[in-house]
Amino acid sequence: MMAPETTVAIASNATAKGDVLATARVAGIQAAKSAAALLPMAHPVLVGNVYVNFIIADDHIDVEAGVDTVDRTGVEMEALVSVTVAALTIYDMCKSMDRSMTIDQVALWEKTGGRSGPWRRTAVDGDVDGLS
């Protein structure tokens, strides 16, 4: 969440520190590859593909990450770390113009593979921000 002026500055690439979303995308990709170094109980996995996408709204930016692997375990922790670090990067690059920004509602939406098999968030699981 952020002031509407901040989303306008980000969308128009008019921030003092440069291209916020490109930098946040790279940070999110790096973070996914470093999840095991940050989370003591996470297993190191071979990350094959990471994508980080952004949806700019009037007063917030949605951050979405997807991670693929050929390993036997899931990569939901890598995706959650990716989203969180991308959001922190946006905050870091824009804090001089908007210290009121917040990072809210980080959630796993879907996973496939791993021992537990596929899982998908439903409204019963806790509909985040009205999305399903």
C-alpha atoms as a PDB file:
ATOM      1  CA  MET A   1       0.000   0.000   0.000  1.00  0.00           C
ATOM      2  CA  MET A   2       1.260   3.484  -0.798  1.00  0.00           C
ATOM      3  CA  ALA A   3       0.193   7.010  -1.597  1.00  0.00           C
ATOM      4  CA  PRO A   4      -1.273   7.397  -5.094  1.00  0.00           C
ATOM      5  CA  GLU A   5       1.546   9.835  -5.929  1.00  0.00           C
ATOM      6  CA  THR A   6       4.047   7.062  -5.243  1.00  0.00           C
ATOM      7  CA  THR A   7       2.393   4.625  -7.646  1.00  0.00           C
ATOM      8  CA  VAL A   8       2.363   7.358 -10.305  1.00  0.00           C
ATOM      9  CA  ALA A   9       6.090   7.995  -9.775  1.00  0.00           C
ATOM     10  CA  ILE A  10       6.871   4.286  -9.982  1.00  0.00           C
ATOM     11  CA  ALA A  11       4.725   3.750 -13.084  1.00  0.00           C
ATOM     12  CA  SER A  12       6.277   6.726 -14.853  1.00  0.00           C
ATOM     13  CA  ASN A  13       9.811   5.765 -13.783  1.00  0.00           C
ATOM     14  CA  ALA A  14      10.199   9.128 -12.038  1.00  0.00           C
ATOM     15  CA  THR A  15      11.836   8.119  -8.762  1.00  0.00           C
ATOM     16  CA  ALA A  16      15.202   9.358  -7.548  1.00  0.00           C
ATOM     17  CA  LYS A  17      16.716   5.861  -7.352  1.00  0.00           C
ATOM     18  CA  GLY A  18      15.816   4.726 -10.870  1.00  0.00           C
ATOM     19  CA  ASP A  19      13.616   1.969 -12.293  1.00  0.00           C
ATOM     20  CA  VAL A  20      11.881   0.611  -9.197  1.00  0.00           C
ATOM     21  CA  LEU A  21      10.097  -2.354 -10.746  1.00  0.00           C
ATOM     22  CA  ALA A  22      13.093  -3.593 -12.736  1.00  0.00           C
ATOM     23  CA  THR A  23      15.225  -3.454  -9.603  1.00  0.00           C
ATOM     24  CA  ALA A  24      12.525  -5.150  -7.511  1.00  0.00           C
ATOM     25  CA  ARG A  25      12.201  -7.903 -10.142  1.00  0.00           C
ATOM     26  CA  VAL A  26      15.941  -8.650 -10.010  1.00  0.00           C
ATOM     27  CA  ALA A  27      15.882  -8.557  -6.192  1.00  0.00           C
ATOM     28  CA  GLY A  28      12.962 -11.011  -6.146  1.00  0.00           C
ATOM     29  CA  ILE A  29      14.752 -13.401  -8.497  1.00  0.00           C
ATOM     30  CA  GLN A  30      17.926 -13.266  -6.394  1.00  0.00           C
ATOM     31  CA  ALA A  31      15.905 -13.785  -3.210  1.00  0.00           C
ATOM     32  CA  ALA A  32      14.221 -16.923  -4.556  1.00  0.00           C
ATOM     33  CA  LYS A  33      17.656 -18.388  -5.233  1.00  0.00           C
ATOM     34  CA  SER A  34      18.806 -17.487  -1.687  1.00  0.00           C
ATOM     35  CA  ALA A  35      15.830 -18.716   0.352  1.00  0.00           C
ATOM     36  CA  ALA A  36      17.730 -21.615   1.944  1.00  0.00           C
ATOM     37  CA  ALA A  37      20.418 -19.200   3.174  1.00  0.00           C
ATOM     38  CA  LEU A  38      17.765 -17.032   4.840  1.00  0.00           C
ATOM     39  CA  LEU A  39      15.433 -19.683   6.285  1.00  0.00           C
ATOM     40  CA  PRO A  40      17.177 -22.180   8.596  1.00  0.00           C
ATOM     41  CA  MET A  41      14.779 -25.065   7.942  1.00  0.00           C
ATOM     42  CA  ALA A  42      14.367 -24.563   4.179  1.00  0.00           C
ATOM     43  CA  HIS A  43      16.052 -27.109   1.936  1.00  0.00           C
ATOM     44  CA  PRO A  44      18.412 -25.889  -0.792  1.00  0.00           C
ATOM     45  CA  VAL A  45      16.686 -26.599  -4.102  1.00  0.00           C
ATOM     46  CA  LEU A  46      17.698 -26.196  -7.703  1.00  0.00           C
ATOM     47  CA  VAL A  47      15.657 -23.216  -8.901  1.00  0.00           C
ATOM     48  CA  GLY A  48      14.985 -23.509 -12.614  1.00  0.00           C
ATOM     49  CA  ASN A  49      12.823 -20.485 -13.341  1.00  0.00           C
ATOM     50  CA  VAL A  50      11.623 -17.461 -11.381  1.00  0.00           C
ATOM     51  CA  TYR A  51       9.207 -14.816 -12.560  1.00  0.00           C
ATOM     52  CA  VAL A  52       8.210 -11.689 -10.675  1.00  0.00           C
ATOM     53  CA  ASN A  53       5.301  -9.609 -11.973  1.00  0.00           C
ATOM     54  CA  PHE A  54       3.674  -6.397 -10.772  1.00  0.00           C
ATOM     55  CA  ILE A  55       0.163  -4.988 -11.061  1.00  0.00           C
ATOM     56  CA  ILE A  56       0.023  -1.261 -10.399  1.00  0.00           C
ATOM     57  CA  ALA A  57      -3.228   0.051  -8.910  1.00  0.00           C
ATOM     58  CA  ASP A  58      -4.134   3.518  -7.622  1.00  0.00           C
ATOM     59  CA  ASP A  59      -2.756   3.061  -4.102  1.00  0.00           C
ATOM     60  CA  HIS A  60      -0.824  -0.193  -4.176  1.00  0.00           C
ATOM     61  CA  ILE A  61       1.265  -2.561  -6.237  1.00  0.00           C
ATOM     62  CA  ASP A  62       0.497  -6.270  -6.260  1.00  0.00           C
ATOM     63  CA  VAL A  63       3.633  -8.403  -6.433  1.00  0.00           C
ATOM     64  CA  GLU A  64       3.395 -11.960  -7.773  1.00  0.00           C
ATOM     65  CA  ALA A  65       6.181 -14.512  -8.003  1.00  0.00           C
ATOM     66  CA  GLY A  66       6.348 -17.982  -9.477  1.00  0.00           C
ATOM     67  CA  VAL A  67       9.194 -20.433  -9.031  1.00  0.00           C
ATOM     68  CA  ASP A  68       9.834 -23.694 -10.896  1.00  0.00           C
ATOM     69  CA  THR A  69      12.152 -26.543 -10.022  1.00  0.00           C
ATOM     70  CA  VAL A  70      12.828 -30.115 -11.081  1.00  0.00           C
ATOM     71  CA  ASP A  71      13.658 -31.031  -7.477  1.00  0.00           C
ATOM     72  CA  ARG A  72      11.507 -33.372  -5.383  1.00  0.00           C
ATOM     73  CA  THR A  73      10.347 -30.659  -3.001  1.00  0.00           C
ATOM     74  CA  GLY A  74       8.088 -27.664  -3.395  1.00  0.00           C
ATOM     75  CA  VAL A  75       9.367 -24.136  -3.836  1.00  0.00           C
ATOM     76  CA  GLU A  76       6.688 -22.194  -2.008  1.00  0.00           C
ATOM     77  CA  MET A  77       9.225 -20.725   0.429  1.00  0.00           C
ATOM     78  CA  GLU A  78      11.327 -19.502  -2.498  1.00  0.00           C
ATOM     79  CA  ALA A  79       8.261 -17.804  -4.006  1.00  0.00           C
ATOM     80  CA  LEU A  80       7.242 -16.201  -0.697  1.00  0.00           C
ATOM     81  CA  VAL A  81      10.782 -14.916  -0.086  1.00  0.00           C
ATOM     82  CA  SER A  82      10.848 -13.592  -3.655  1.00  0.00           C
ATOM     83  CA  VAL A  83       7.625 -11.603  -3.215  1.00  0.00           C
ATOM     84  CA  THR A  84       8.683 -10.250   0.157  1.00  0.00           C
ATOM     85  CA  VAL A  85      12.108  -9.080  -0.981  1.00  0.00           C
ATOM     86  CA  ALA A  86      10.648  -7.536  -4.145  1.00  0.00           C
ATOM     87  CA  ALA A  87       8.170  -5.598  -1.969  1.00  0.00           C
ATOM     88  CA  LEU A  88      10.959  -4.553   0.416  1.00  0.00           C
ATOM     89  CA  THR A  89      12.954  -3.307  -2.567  1.00  0.00           C
ATOM     90  CA  ILE A  90      10.028  -1.145  -3.667  1.00  0.00           C
ATOM     91  CA  TYR A  91       9.837   0.253  -0.142  1.00  0.00           C
ATOM     92  CA  ASP A  92      13.590   0.881  -0.013  1.00  0.00           C
ATOM     93  CA  MET A  93      13.646   2.698  -3.326  1.00  0.00           C
ATOM     94  CA  CYS A  94      10.610   4.872  -2.534  1.00  0.00           C
ATOM     95  CA  LYS A  95      10.892   5.504   1.208  1.00  0.00           C
ATOM     96  CA  SER A  96      12.224   9.024   0.713  1.00  0.00           C
ATOM     97  CA  MET A  97       8.957  10.010  -0.988  1.00  0.00           C
ATOM     98  CA  ASP A  98       6.515   7.885   1.071  1.00  0.00           C
ATOM     99  CA  ARG A  99       7.410   6.484   4.486  1.00  0.00           C
ATOM    100  CA  SER A 100       3.781   5.488   5.089  1.00  0.00           C
ATOM    101  CA  MET A 101       4.023   2.515   2.700  1.00  0.00           C
ATOM    102  CA  THR A 102       3.087  -0.889   4.098  1.00  0.00           C
ATOM    103  CA  ILE A 103       3.670  -4.452   2.970  1.00  0.00           C
ATOM    104  CA  ASP A 104       0.545  -6.500   3.571  1.00  0.00           C
ATOM    105  CA  GLN A 105      -1.009  -9.867   2.829  1.00  0.00           C
ATOM    106  CA  VAL A 106       1.853 -12.054   1.663  1.00  0.00           C
ATOM    107  CA  ALA A 107       0.240 -15.398   0.895  1.00  0.00           C
ATOM    108  CA  LEU A 108       0.763 -18.629  -1.005  1.00  0.00           C
ATOM    109  CA  TRP A 109      -1.844 -18.953  -3.752  1.00  0.00           C
ATOM    110  CA  GLU A 110      -0.941 -22.246  -5.379  1.00  0.00           C
ATOM    111  CA  LYS A 111       1.665 -25.002  -5.329  1.00  0.00           C
ATOM    112  CA  THR A 112       2.250 -28.173  -7.255  1.00  0.00           C
ATOM    113  CA  GLY A 113       4.706 -30.990  -6.656  1.00  0.00           C
ATOM    114  CA  GLY A 114       6.530 -31.897  -3.502  1.00  0.00           C
ATOM    115  CA  ARG A 115       5.510 -34.591  -1.043  1.00  0.00           C
ATOM    116  CA  SER A 116       2.216 -32.945  -0.131  1.00  0.00           C
ATOM    117  CA  GLY A 117       1.091 -32.597  -3.742  1.00  0.00           C
ATOM    118  CA  PRO A 118      -0.939 -29.780  -5.284  1.00  0.00           C
ATOM    119  CA  TRP A 119      -2.639 -27.071  -3.230  1.00  0.00           C
ATOM    120  CA  ARG A 120      -4.664 -24.011  -4.205  1.00  0.00           C
ATOM    121  CA  ARG A 121      -6.012 -21.221  -1.979  1.00  0.00           C
ATOM    122  CA  THR A 122      -9.774 -21.006  -1.736  1.00  0.00           C
ATOM    123  CA  ALA A 123     -12.008 -18.354  -0.180  1.00  0.00           C
ATOM    124  CA  VAL A 124     -12.362 -20.655   2.828  1.00  0.00           C
ATOM    125  CA  ASP A 125      -8.560 -20.584   3.340  1.00  0.00           C
ATOM    126  CA  GLY A 126      -8.650 -16.827   3.753  1.00  0.00           C
ATOM    127  CA  ASP A 127      -9.486 -14.757   0.712  1.00  0.00           C
ATOM    128  CA  VAL A 128      -6.745 -12.123   0.533  1.00  0.00           C
ATOM    129  CA  ASP A 129      -7.918  -8.708  -0.646  1.00  0.00           C
ATOM    130  CA  GLY A 130     -11.012 -10.130  -2.343  1.00  0.00           C
ATOM    131  CA  LEU A 131      -8.969 -12.109  -4.870  1.00  0.00           C
ATOM    132  CA  SER A 132      -9.640 -15.741  -5.588  1.00  0.00           C
END
